[in-house]
C-alpha atoms as a PDB file:
ATOM      1  CA  MET A   1     185.235 -24.538-174.992  1.00  0.00           C
ATOM      2  CA  SER A   2     188.527 -26.381-174.705  1.00  0.00           C
ATOM      3  CA  ASN A   3     188.931 -29.539-176.782  1.00  0.00           C
ATOM      4  CA  MET A   4     186.019 -28.630-179.061  1.00  0.00           C
ATOM      5  CA  THR A   5     186.863 -27.710-182.635  1.00  0.00           C
ATOM      6  CA  GLU A   6     184.858 -24.718-183.796  1.00  0.00           C
ATOM      7  CA  ILE A   7     183.709 -24.455-187.404  1.00  0.00           C
ATOM      8  CA  LEU A   8     183.451 -21.033-189.045  1.00  0.00           C
ATOM      9  CA  VAL A   9     181.219 -21.002-192.136  1.00  0.00           C
ATOM     10  CA  LEU A  10     182.352 -18.303-194.564  1.00  0.00           C
ATOM     11  CA  GLN A  11     180.515 -15.966-196.956  1.00  0.00           C
ATOM     12  CA  ALA A  12     182.502 -15.380-200.161  1.00  0.00           C
ATOM     13  CA  ASP A  13     183.230 -11.930-201.561  1.00  0.00           C
ATOM     14  CA  LEU A  14     182.613 -11.791-205.335  1.00  0.00           C
ATOM     15  CA  HIS A  15     184.665  -9.725-207.796  1.00  0.00           C
ATOM     16  CA  GLU A  16     183.759  -8.712-211.331  1.00  0.00           C
ATOM     17  CA  LYS A  17     186.588  -8.993-213.880  1.00  0.00           C
ATOM     18  CA  MET A  18     186.725  -8.213-217.576  1.00  0.00           C
ATOM     19  CA  TRP A  19     187.877 -11.798-218.198  1.00  0.00           C
ATOM     20  CA  GLY A  20     185.261 -13.427-215.932  1.00  0.00           C
ATOM     21  CA  GLY A  21     182.132 -15.353-216.885  1.00  0.00           C
ATOM     22  CA  THR A  22     179.285 -17.252-215.226  1.00  0.00           C
ATOM     23  CA  ALA A  23     180.999 -20.449-214.034  1.00  0.00           C
ATOM     24  CA  LEU A  24     180.920 -19.339-210.397  1.00  0.00           C
ATOM     25  CA  ARG A  25     177.123 -19.389-210.655  1.00  0.00           C
ATOM     26  CA  ASP A  26     176.798 -22.324-213.024  1.00  0.00           C
ATOM     27  CA  LEU A  27     179.145 -24.681-211.165  1.00  0.00           C
ATOM     28  CA  TYR A  28     178.952 -23.461-207.573  1.00  0.00           C
ATOM     29  CA  GLY A  29     175.689 -21.562-207.193  1.00  0.00           C
ATOM     30  CA  PHE A  30     177.156 -18.179-206.324  1.00  0.00           C
ATOM     31  CA  ASP A  31     174.829 -15.189-206.681  1.00  0.00           C
ATOM     32  CA  ILE A  32     177.137 -13.421-209.111  1.00  0.00           C
ATOM     33  CA  PRO A  33     176.794  -9.655-209.684  1.00  0.00           C
ATOM     34  CA  SER A  34     177.163  -9.922-213.479  1.00  0.00           C
ATOM     35  CA  ASP A  35     178.033 -12.255-216.346  1.00  0.00           C
ATOM     36  CA  HIS A  36     181.652 -11.070-216.012  1.00  0.00           C
ATOM     37  CA  THR A  37     182.375 -12.358-212.518  1.00  0.00           C
ATOM     38  CA  GLY A  38     185.922 -13.656-212.253  1.00  0.00           C
ATOM     39  CA  GLU A  39     186.703 -14.297-208.604  1.00  0.00           C
ATOM     40  CA  ALA A  40     185.077 -15.613-205.455  1.00  0.00           C
ATOM     41  CA  TRP A  41     187.265 -14.821-202.462  1.00  0.00           C
ATOM     42  CA  VAL A  42     186.091 -17.724-200.340  1.00  0.00           C
ATOM     43  CA  ALA A  43     188.490 -17.223-197.427  1.00  0.00           C
ATOM     44  CA  SER A  44     189.944 -13.758-197.117  1.00  0.00           C
ATOM     45  CA  GLY A  45     191.218 -11.329-194.540  1.00  0.00           C
ATOM     46  CA  HIS A  46     192.434  -8.927-197.225  1.00  0.00           C
ATOM     47  CA  PRO A  47     190.955  -5.402-197.109  1.00  0.00           C
ATOM     48  CA  ASN A  48     190.107  -5.574-200.823  1.00  0.00           C
ATOM     49  CA  GLY A  49     187.556  -8.327-200.168  1.00  0.00           C
ATOM     50  CA  PRO A  50     187.166  -9.754-196.656  1.00  0.00           C
ATOM     51  CA  THR A  51     184.894 -12.745-196.120  1.00  0.00           C
ATOM     52  CA  TRP A  52     182.178 -12.757-193.485  1.00  0.00           C
ATOM     53  CA  ILE A  53     181.269 -15.339-190.863  1.00  0.00           C
ATOM     54  CA  LYS A  54     177.794 -16.815-191.437  1.00  0.00           C
ATOM     55  CA  ASN A  55     177.270 -18.804-188.244  1.00  0.00           C
ATOM     56  CA  GLY A  56     177.716 -19.119-184.505  1.00  0.00           C
ATOM     57  CA  ARG A  57     178.994 -16.586-182.023  1.00  0.00           C
ATOM     58  CA  PHE A  58     180.865 -14.619-184.717  1.00  0.00           C
ATOM     59  CA  LYS A  59     177.973 -14.386-187.196  1.00  0.00           C
ATOM     60  CA  GLY A  60     178.043 -11.029-188.991  1.00  0.00           C
ATOM     61  CA  LYS A  61     181.711 -10.357-188.264  1.00  0.00           C
ATOM     62  CA  THR A  62     184.448 -10.372-190.875  1.00  0.00           C
ATOM     63  CA  LEU A  63     187.272 -12.862-190.738  1.00  0.00           C
ATOM     64  CA  VAL A  64     189.582  -9.890-190.116  1.00  0.00           C
ATOM     65  CA  GLU A  65     187.629  -8.905-187.001  1.00  0.00           C
ATOM     66  CA  VAL A  66     187.727 -12.404-185.555  1.00  0.00           C
ATOM     67  CA  TRP A  67     191.432 -12.740-186.430  1.00  0.00           C
ATOM     68  CA  ARG A  68     192.281  -9.522-184.599  1.00  0.00           C
ATOM     69  CA  GLN A  69     189.901  -9.807-181.651  1.00  0.00           C
ATOM     70  CA  HIS A  70     190.511 -13.514-180.937  1.00  0.00           C
ATOM     71  CA  PRO A  71     194.138 -14.183-181.902  1.00  0.00           C
ATOM     72  CA  GLU A  72     194.273 -17.191-179.573  1.00  0.00           C
ATOM     73  CA  LEU A  73     191.933 -19.072-181.919  1.00  0.00           C
ATOM     74  CA  PHE A  74     194.501 -18.851-184.736  1.00  0.00           C
ATOM     75  CA  GLN A  75     197.766 -19.110-182.778  1.00  0.00           C
ATOM     76  CA  ASN A  76     198.143 -15.432-183.740  1.00  0.00           C
ATOM     77  CA  ALA A  77     199.998 -14.495-180.576  1.00  0.00           C
ATOM     78  CA  HIS A  78     199.893 -10.707-180.838  1.00  0.00           C
ATOM     79  CA  GLY A  79     196.933 -10.186-183.142  1.00  0.00           C
ATOM     80  CA  VAL A  80     198.725  -7.552-185.198  1.00  0.00           C
ATOM     81  CA  ARG A  81     199.954  -9.228-188.381  1.00  0.00           C
ATOM     82  CA  PRO A  82     197.557  -9.619-191.334  1.00  0.00           C
ATOM     83  CA  PHE A  83     195.670 -12.844-191.957  1.00  0.00           C
ATOM     84  CA  PRO A  84     198.323 -14.662-194.012  1.00  0.00           C
ATOM     85  CA  LEU A  85     196.336 -16.664-196.591  1.00  0.00           C
ATOM     86  CA  LEU A  86     193.806 -15.886-199.306  1.00  0.00           C
ATOM     87  CA  VAL A  87     191.734 -18.576-201.038  1.00  0.00           C
ATOM     88  CA  LYS A  88     189.806 -17.913-204.257  1.00  0.00           C
ATOM     89  CA  ILE A  89     187.846 -19.698-206.934  1.00  0.00           C
ATOM     90  CA  LEU A  90     188.699 -18.189-210.333  1.00  0.00           C
ATOM     91  CA  ASP A  91     186.620 -18.325-213.505  1.00  0.00           C
ATOM     92  CA  ALA A  92     188.851 -17.577-216.484  1.00  0.00           C
ATOM     93  CA  HIS A  93     186.165 -17.253-219.166  1.00  0.00           C
ATOM     94  CA  GLU A  94     188.835 -15.396-221.156  1.00  0.00           C
ATOM     95  CA  ASN A  95     192.614 -15.290-220.735  1.00  0.00           C
ATOM     96  CA  LEU A  96     193.853 -13.511-217.634  1.00  0.00           C
ATOM     97  CA  SER A  97     196.635 -11.019-218.190  1.00  0.00           C
ATOM     98  CA  VAL A  98     200.128 -12.490-218.119  1.00  0.00           C
ATOM     99  CA  GLN A  99     201.546 -11.258-214.839  1.00  0.00           C
ATOM    100  CA  VAL A 100     204.091 -11.758-212.104  1.00  0.00           C
ATOM    101  CA  HIS A 101     203.983 -11.190-208.350  1.00  0.00           C
ATOM    102  CA  PRO A 102     206.753  -9.905-206.064  1.00  0.00           C
ATOM    103  CA  GLY A 103     208.246 -11.641-203.058  1.00  0.00           C
ATOM    104  CA  ASN A 104     207.896 -10.309-199.531  1.00  0.00           C
ATOM    105  CA  ALA A 105     210.859  -7.910-199.558  1.00  0.00           C
ATOM    106  CA  TYR A 106     209.970  -6.181-202.839  1.00  0.00           C
ATOM    107  CA  ALA A 107     206.260  -6.057-201.973  1.00  0.00           C
ATOM    108  CA  ALA A 108     206.938  -4.552-198.547  1.00  0.00           C
ATOM    109  CA  LYS A 109     209.111  -1.823-200.067  1.00  0.00           C
ATOM    110  CA  HIS A 110     206.975  -0.976-203.106  1.00  0.00           C
ATOM    111  CA  ALA A 111     203.409  -2.068-202.270  1.00  0.00           C
ATOM    112  CA  HIS A 112     203.372  -2.116-198.452  1.00  0.00           C
ATOM    113  CA  GLU A 113     201.898  -5.584-198.194  1.00  0.00           C
ATOM    114  CA  LEU A 114     202.913  -9.236-198.368  1.00  0.00           C
ATOM    115  CA  GLY A 115     204.456 -10.819-201.419  1.00  0.00           C
ATOM    116  CA  LYS A 116     202.440 -13.310-203.408  1.00  0.00           C
ATOM    117  CA  THR A 117     203.344 -16.930-203.770  1.00  0.00           C
ATOM    118  CA  GLU A 118     200.322 -18.917-204.917  1.00  0.00           C
ATOM    119  CA  SER A 119     199.093 -22.250-206.197  1.00  0.00           C
ATOM    120  CA  TRP A 120     196.396 -23.452-208.579  1.00  0.00           C
ATOM    121  CA  TYR A 121     194.279 -26.563-208.309  1.00  0.00           C
ATOM    122  CA  ILE A 122     192.437 -26.925-211.621  1.00  0.00           C
ATOM    123  CA  LEU A 123     188.736 -27.560-210.967  1.00  0.00           C
ATOM    124  CA  ALA A 124     187.478 -27.551-214.561  1.00  0.00           C
ATOM    125  CA  ALA A 125     189.009 -27.029-217.980  1.00  0.00           C
ATOM    126  CA  LYS A 126     187.610 -26.991-221.472  1.00  0.00           C
ATOM    127  CA  PRO A 127     189.224 -29.236-224.109  1.00  0.00           C
ATOM    128  CA  ASP A 128     192.562 -27.787-225.230  1.00  0.00           C
ATOM    129  CA  ALA A 129     192.635 -25.345-222.299  1.00  0.00           C
ATOM    130  CA  GLU A 130     196.064 -24.156-221.267  1.00  0.00           C
ATOM    131  CA  ILE A 131     197.851 -21.868-218.848  1.00  0.00           C
ATOM    132  CA  TYR A 132     200.832 -19.578-219.226  1.00  0.00           C
ATOM    133  CA  PHE A 133     203.447 -20.810-216.785  1.00  0.00           C
ATOM    134  CA  GLY A 134     206.989 -19.467-216.918  1.00  0.00           C
ATOM    135  CA  HIS A 135     209.006 -18.288-219.911  1.00  0.00           C
ATOM    136  CA  HIS A 136     211.791 -19.322-222.268  1.00  0.00           C
ATOM    137  CA  ALA A 137     214.318 -16.487-221.765  1.00  0.00           C
ATOM    138  CA  GLN A 138     217.691 -17.698-220.496  1.00  0.00           C
ATOM    139  CA  THR A 139     219.186 -14.360-219.427  1.00  0.00           C
ATOM    140  CA  ARG A 140     217.841 -11.075-218.090  1.00  0.00           C
ATOM    141  CA  ALA A 141     219.007  -9.310-221.231  1.00  0.00           C
ATOM    142  CA  GLU A 142     217.066 -11.779-223.380  1.00  0.00           C
ATOM    143  CA  PHE A 143     214.007 -11.457-221.121  1.00  0.00           C
ATOM    144  CA  SER A 144     214.109  -7.673-221.338  1.00  0.00           C
ATOM    145  CA  GLN A 145     214.554  -7.758-225.114  1.00  0.00           C
ATOM    146  CA  MET A 146     211.585 -10.102-225.592  1.00  0.00           C
ATOM    147  CA  LEU A 147     209.428  -7.863-223.397  1.00  0.00           C
ATOM    148  CA  GLU A 148     210.359  -4.716-225.287  1.00  0.00           C
ATOM    149  CA  GLN A 149     209.825  -6.406-228.656  1.00  0.00           C
ATOM    150  CA  ARG A 150     206.548  -7.946-227.451  1.00  0.00           C
ATOM    151  CA  ASP A 151     207.764 -11.297-228.706  1.00  0.00           C
ATOM    152  CA  TRP A 152     205.157 -13.251-226.775  1.00  0.00           C
ATOM    153  CA  GLU A 153     205.237 -16.397-228.892  1.00  0.00           C
ATOM    154  CA  ARG A 154     208.930 -16.935-228.166  1.00  0.00           C
ATOM    155  CA  LEU A 155     208.792 -15.727-224.573  1.00  0.00           C
ATOM    156  CA  LEU A 156     205.755 -17.341-222.999  1.00  0.00           C
ATOM    157  CA  ARG A 157     205.643 -20.973-221.925  1.00  0.00           C
ATOM    158  CA  LYS A 158     202.246 -22.636-222.428  1.00  0.00           C
ATOM    159  CA  VAL A 159     201.111 -25.752-220.580  1.00  0.00           C
ATOM    160  CA  PRO A 160     197.941 -27.777-221.346  1.00  0.00           C
ATOM    161  CA  VAL A 161     195.752 -28.419-218.298  1.00  0.00           C
ATOM    162  CA  LYS A 162     192.890 -30.631-217.175  1.00  0.00           C
ATOM    163  CA  ALA A 163     190.800 -30.935-214.027  1.00  0.00           C
ATOM    164  CA  GLY A 164     192.862 -32.280-211.141  1.00  0.00           C
ATOM    165  CA  ASP A 165     196.175 -30.690-212.166  1.00  0.00           C
ATOM    166  CA  PHE A 166     198.084 -28.721-209.526  1.00  0.00           C
ATOM    167  CA  PHE A 167     200.631 -25.961-210.007  1.00  0.00           C
ATOM    168  CA  TYR A 168     202.833 -24.274-207.430  1.00  0.00           C
ATOM    169  CA  VAL A 169     203.488 -20.667-208.484  1.00  0.00           C
ATOM    170  CA  PRO A 170     206.226 -19.010-206.386  1.00  0.00           C
ATOM    171  CA  ALA A 171     206.645 -15.241-206.403  1.00  0.00           C
ATOM    172  CA  GLY A 172     208.653 -14.277-209.473  1.00  0.00           C
ATOM    173  CA  THR A 173     206.870 -16.736-211.792  1.00  0.00           C
ATOM    174  CA  LEU A 174     205.418 -15.320-215.009  1.00  0.00           C
ATOM    175  CA  HIS A 175     201.921 -16.822-215.287  1.00  0.00           C
ATOM    176  CA  ALA A 176     198.266 -16.580-216.337  1.00  0.00           C
ATOM    177  CA  LEU A 177     195.220 -18.805-216.453  1.00  0.00           C
ATOM    178  CA  GLY A 178     194.040 -19.377-220.006  1.00  0.00           C
ATOM    179  CA  ALA A 179     190.478 -19.155-221.266  1.00  0.00           C
ATOM    180  CA  GLY A 180     188.174 -21.975-220.201  1.00  0.00           C
ATOM    181  CA  VAL A 181     189.876 -22.758-216.883  1.00  0.00           C
ATOM    182  CA  VAL A 182     188.270 -22.713-213.429  1.00  0.00           C
ATOM    183  CA  ALA A 183     190.795 -22.951-210.609  1.00  0.00           C
ATOM    184  CA  LEU A 184     191.047 -22.947-206.844  1.00  0.00           C
ATOM    185  CA  GLU A 185     193.818 -20.558-205.857  1.00  0.00           C
ATOM    186  CA  ILE A 186     195.580 -20.750-202.498  1.00  0.00           C
ATOM    187  CA  GLN A 187     197.997 -17.874-201.988  1.00  0.00           C
ATOM    188  CA  GLN A 188     199.587 -15.421-199.633  1.00  0.00           C
ATOM    189  CA  SER A 189     197.187 -12.654-198.691  1.00  0.00           C
ATOM    190  CA  SER A 190     198.301 -10.088-201.248  1.00  0.00           C
ATOM    191  CA  ASP A 191     196.666  -8.258-204.138  1.00  0.00           C
ATOM    192  CA  THR A 192     199.854  -6.940-205.775  1.00  0.00           C
ATOM    193  CA  THR A 193     200.171  -7.850-209.452  1.00  0.00           C
ATOM    194  CA  TYR A 194     202.580  -6.649-212.131  1.00  0.00           C
ATOM    195  CA  ARG A 195     200.932  -6.993-215.522  1.00  0.00           C
ATOM    196  CA  VAL A 196     203.174  -7.904-218.465  1.00  0.00           C
ATOM    197  CA  TYR A 197     200.815  -8.665-221.358  1.00  0.00           C
ATOM    198  CA  ASP A 198     197.047  -8.171-221.632  1.00  0.00           C
ATOM    199  CA  PHE A 199     196.386  -9.526-225.144  1.00  0.00           C
ATOM    200  CA  ASP A 200     195.905  -5.951-226.402  1.00  0.00           C
ATOM    201  CA  ARG A 201     192.429  -5.767-224.880  1.00  0.00           C
ATOM    202  CA  ILE A 202     190.508  -2.568-224.346  1.00  0.00           C
ATOM    203  CA  ASP A 203     189.063  -2.051-220.879  1.00  0.00           C
ATOM    204  CA  GLN A 204     185.433  -1.191-221.618  1.00  0.00           C
ATOM    205  CA  THR A 205     185.148   0.846-218.424  1.00  0.00           C
ATOM    206  CA  THR A 206     187.910   3.253-219.522  1.00  0.00           C
ATOM    207  CA  GLY A 207     188.184   2.837-223.295  1.00  0.00           C
ATOM    208  CA  PHE A 208     191.936   2.270-222.992  1.00  0.00           C
ATOM    209  CA  HIS A 209     194.386  -0.597-222.684  1.00  0.00           C
ATOM    210  CA  ARG A 210     195.072  -1.617-219.110  1.00  0.00           C
ATOM    211  CA  LYS A 211     198.323  -0.438-217.557  1.00  0.00           C
ATOM    212  CA  LEU A 212     201.397  -2.630-217.909  1.00  0.00           C
ATOM    213  CA  ASP A 213     204.074  -2.817-215.208  1.00  0.00           C
ATOM    214  CA  LEU A 214     207.159  -3.774-217.183  1.00  0.00           C
ATOM    215  CA  LEU A 215     209.785  -2.154-214.930  1.00  0.00           C
ATOM    216  CA  ASP A 216     208.492  -3.956-211.850  1.00  0.00           C
ATOM    217  CA  ALA A 217     208.111  -7.169-213.833  1.00  0.00           C
ATOM    218  CA  LYS A 218     211.728  -7.024-214.973  1.00  0.00           C
ATOM    219  CA  ALA A 219     212.815  -6.494-211.382  1.00  0.00           C
ATOM    220  CA  VAL A 220     210.971  -9.444-209.852  1.00  0.00           C
ATOM    221  CA  THR A 221     210.676 -12.134-212.563  1.00  0.00           C
ATOM    222  CA  GLN A 222     212.812 -15.225-212.071  1.00  0.00           C
ATOM    223  CA  VAL A 223     215.271 -15.636-214.968  1.00  0.00           C
ATOM    224  CA  PRO A 224     215.787 -18.284-216.175  1.00  0.00           C
ATOM    225  CA  PHE A 225     212.516 -19.946-215.201  1.00  0.00           C
ATOM    226  CA  ALA A 226     212.920 -23.013-213.005  1.00  0.00           C
ATOM    227  CA  PRO A 227     209.578 -24.692-212.264  1.00  0.00           C
ATOM    228  CA  VAL A 228     209.067 -26.136-208.794  1.00  0.00           C
ATOM    229  CA  THR A 229     207.238 -29.472-208.817  1.00  0.00           C
ATOM    230  CA  PRO A 230     206.130 -30.364-205.293  1.00  0.00           C
ATOM    231  CA  LYS A 231     206.463 -33.960-204.139  1.00  0.00           C
ATOM    232  CA  GLN A 232     202.951 -35.320-203.694  1.00  0.00           C
ATOM    233  CA  THR A 233     201.986 -38.134-201.360  1.00  0.00           C
ATOM    234  CA  THR A 234     198.710 -40.029-200.994  1.00  0.00           C
ATOM    235  CA  LYS A 235     197.279 -41.940-198.049  1.00  0.00           C
ATOM    236  CA  GLN A 236     193.973 -43.501-197.080  1.00  0.00           C
ATOM    237  CA  ILE A 237     192.176 -42.032-194.063  1.00  0.00           C
ATOM    238  CA  GLY A 238     189.061 -44.094-193.458  1.00  0.00           C
ATOM    239  CA  GLY A 239     186.783 -43.482-196.438  1.00  0.00           C
ATOM    240  CA  ALA A 240     188.914 -40.670-197.828  1.00  0.00           C
ATOM    241  CA  THR A 241     191.879 -40.658-200.166  1.00  0.00           C
ATOM    242  CA  CYS A 242     194.053 -37.753-199.056  1.00  0.00           C
ATOM    243  CA  THR A 243     196.691 -36.317-201.384  1.00  0.00           C
ATOM    244  CA  THR A 244     199.174 -33.759-200.111  1.00  0.00           C
ATOM    245  CA  LEU A 245     199.532 -31.408-203.077  1.00  0.00           C
ATOM    246  CA  VAL A 246     202.191 -29.160-201.588  1.00  0.00           C
ATOM    247  CA  GLN A 247     204.008 -28.470-198.326  1.00  0.00           C
ATOM    248  CA  ALA A 248     205.639 -25.098-198.792  1.00  0.00           C
ATOM    249  CA  GLU A 249     206.976 -22.048-197.040  1.00  0.00           C
ATOM    250  CA  TYR A 250     203.686 -20.157-196.862  1.00  0.00           C
ATOM    251  CA  PHE A 251     200.991 -22.834-197.144  1.00  0.00           C
ATOM    252  CA  ASN A 252     200.206 -26.522-197.233  1.00  0.00           C
ATOM    253  CA  VAL A 253     197.412 -27.958-199.397  1.00  0.00           C
ATOM    254  CA  GLN A 254     195.665 -31.331-199.129  1.00  0.00           C
ATOM    255  CA  ASP A 255     192.971 -32.753-201.412  1.00  0.00           C
ATOM    256  CA  TYR A 256     190.419 -35.235-200.027  1.00  0.00           C
ATOM    257  CA  HIS A 257     188.251 -37.559-202.127  1.00  0.00           C
ATOM    258  CA  LEU A 258     185.621 -38.836-199.712  1.00  0.00           C
ATOM    259  CA  ASP A 259     183.273 -41.796-200.049  1.00  0.00           C
ATOM    260  CA  GLY A 260     181.877 -42.591-196.620  1.00  0.00           C
ATOM    261  CA  ALA A 261     183.546 -41.199-193.532  1.00  0.00           C
ATOM    262  CA  CYS A 262     186.947 -40.094-192.315  1.00  0.00           C
ATOM    263  CA  THR A 263     188.387 -38.523-189.212  1.00  0.00           C
ATOM    264  CA  LEU A 264     190.355 -35.300-189.345  1.00  0.00           C
ATOM    265  CA  ALA A 265     192.926 -35.526-186.562  1.00  0.00           C
ATOM    266  CA  PRO A 266     193.659 -32.474-184.401  1.00  0.00           C
ATOM    267  CA  SER A 267     195.815 -29.902-186.179  1.00  0.00           C
ATOM    268  CA  ASP A 268     198.345 -27.531-184.651  1.00  0.00           C
ATOM    269  CA  SER A 269     196.867 -24.802-186.864  1.00  0.00           C
ATOM    270  CA  TYR A 270     193.539 -23.620-188.211  1.00  0.00           C
ATOM    271  CA  GLN A 271     192.475 -25.259-191.478  1.00  0.00           C
ATOM    272  CA  ILE A 272     190.756 -23.498-194.392  1.00  0.00           C
ATOM    273  CA  GLY A 273     188.420 -25.766-196.341  1.00  0.00           C
ATOM    274  CA  VAL A 274     186.620 -25.534-199.680  1.00  0.00           C
ATOM    275  CA  VAL A 275     184.200 -28.169-200.976  1.00  0.00           C
ATOM    276  CA  VAL A 276     184.864 -28.904-204.641  1.00  0.00           C
ATOM    277  CA  SER A 277     182.159 -31.481-205.413  1.00  0.00           C
ATOM    278  CA  GLY A 278     179.423 -33.567-203.795  1.00  0.00           C
ATOM    279  CA  LYS A 279     178.106 -33.015-200.292  1.00  0.00           C
ATOM    280  CA  VAL A 280     180.281 -33.088-197.197  1.00  0.00           C
ATOM    281  CA  THR A 281     179.147 -32.952-193.564  1.00  0.00           C
ATOM    282  CA  ILE A 282     181.619 -32.026-190.832  1.00  0.00           C
ATOM    283  CA  LYS A 283     180.840 -32.866-187.226  1.00  0.00           C
ATOM    284  CA  SER A 284     182.888 -31.743-184.249  1.00  0.00           C
ATOM    285  CA  LYS A 285     182.027 -32.059-180.556  1.00  0.00           C
ATOM    286  CA  ARG A 286     180.695 -28.527-180.871  1.00  0.00           C
ATOM    287  CA  ASP A 287     179.112 -28.151-184.339  1.00  0.00           C
ATOM    288  CA  THR A 288     177.689 -30.027-187.315  1.00  0.00           C
ATOM    289  CA  TYR A 289     177.479 -28.392-190.740  1.00  0.00           C
ATOM    290  CA  SER A 290     176.898 -29.633-194.286  1.00  0.00           C
ATOM    291  CA  PHE A 291     178.671 -28.136-197.280  1.00  0.00           C
ATOM    292  CA  THR A 292     178.033 -28.199-201.016  1.00  0.00           C
ATOM    293  CA  PRO A 293     180.360 -27.186-203.888  1.00  0.00           C
ATOM    294  CA  GLY A 294     181.848 -23.712-203.548  1.00  0.00           C
ATOM    295  CA  MET A 295     181.180 -23.438-199.813  1.00  0.00           C
ATOM    296  CA  SER A 296     184.118 -22.654-197.531  1.00  0.00           C
ATOM    297  CA  PHE A 297     184.897 -22.918-193.856  1.00  0.00           C
ATOM    298  CA  ILE A 298     187.629 -22.683-191.241  1.00  0.00           C
ATOM    299  CA  LEU A 299     188.300 -25.353-188.632  1.00  0.00           C
ATOM    300  CA  LEU A 300     189.794 -23.686-185.569  1.00  0.00           C
ATOM    301  CA  ALA A 301     192.429 -25.760-183.831  1.00  0.00           C
ATOM    302  CA  ASP A 302     191.138 -26.741-180.394  1.00  0.00           C
ATOM    303  CA  GLY A 303     192.671 -30.165-179.994  1.00  0.00           C
ATOM    304  CA  SER A 304     189.853 -32.530-180.962  1.00  0.00           C
ATOM    305  CA  ASP A 305     188.942 -34.721-183.913  1.00  0.00           C
ATOM    306  CA  CYS A 306     186.339 -33.895-186.544  1.00  0.00           C
ATOM    307  CA  MET A 307     184.268 -36.515-188.345  1.00  0.00           C
ATOM    308  CA  VAL A 308     183.639 -35.903-192.044  1.00  0.00           C
ATOM    309  CA  THR A 309     180.949 -37.860-193.887  1.00  0.00           C
ATOM    310  CA  GLY A 310     179.503 -37.862-197.378  1.00  0.00           C
ATOM    311  CA  THR A 311     180.566 -38.347-200.951  1.00  0.00           C
ATOM    312  CA  GLY A 312     182.578 -35.603-202.579  1.00  0.00           C
ATOM    313  CA  GLU A 313     185.854 -33.728-202.730  1.00  0.00           C
ATOM    314  CA  PHE A 314     187.207 -31.023-200.497  1.00  0.00           C
ATOM    315  CA  VAL A 315     190.505 -29.183-200.178  1.00  0.00           C
ATOM    316  CA  LEU A 316     192.164 -28.113-196.924  1.00  0.00           C
ATOM    317  CA  ALA A 317     194.842 -25.405-196.681  1.00  0.00           C
ATOM    318  CA  THR A 318     196.949 -24.567-193.641  1.00  0.00           C
ATOM    319  CA  PRO A 319     199.619 -21.893-193.126  1.00  0.00           C
ATOM    320  CA  GLY A 320     203.192 -22.953-193.756  1.00  0.00           C
ATOM    321  CA  PRO A 321     206.047 -22.243-191.331  1.00  0.00           C
ATOM    322  CA  ALA A 322     206.662 -18.733-192.696  1.00  0.00           C
ATOM    323  CA  ALA A 323     202.973 -17.829-192.376  1.00  0.00           C
ATOM    324  CA  LYS A 324     202.353 -18.900-188.801  1.00  0.00           C
END
């Protein structure tokens, strides 16, 4: 099995959300559980929604099981740390709650899991769609005062978005997807969220407003907000235009627009892939699989090239230096 890249085809785990809709079915063909489905966890080792392997020798196992039982396939030397990345497709039919995530140290102490730095690649957006990204407070005292006074118009920073936009969202960033946005989210494997503002909605399952986490939010939010804009580079690889969207501490993300064929050179790490549009076929010396929009996979690093053919777009994510 040496020098033969193995392809793991993944089965997404679907999550209903009060703000979700039907885009995961309408755009990507997912068999959604209801018309309020907000998230497809397309590559996950998190206990709140692990993905399953659909093919090959690991068919029927979860990604967590393969990660732990075969650490050599992931350069996971001891097989004890959690799978470091989580990849989702999000359907924000309505606004998500404005929230913030902790870094590793705070999350380990208060939530007993990883922190949550994430990124968004906008897949679709209705006209005039926007996100909440950062805030306008200049001091912690001003931030706290705006929170207590619920002065959202002055506090929250809104940014218009369109398909193809990319945002890097480090831990400590106040943020939310706005209504009418579908996004691919690449993040640390964490489900810890501190909710700041929920648009005064009533949770129909409880009859009450959802819980806010203002004390934790005050503790972890970056003040003042300083957006990080990753340097992006583009190169041609055969029939593919490859854009590096971010190279960061916890993950790297590349976007491929393919028309014909390209070769994926051997990687020193496993690669998580999601097909965004079109039809893409990946052929290694070991496997050949075709993928349509919404489908996800992992290329295990075994030291050989893969040939990719078709017309479409796919995104590859790899762990950054702090996640290996």
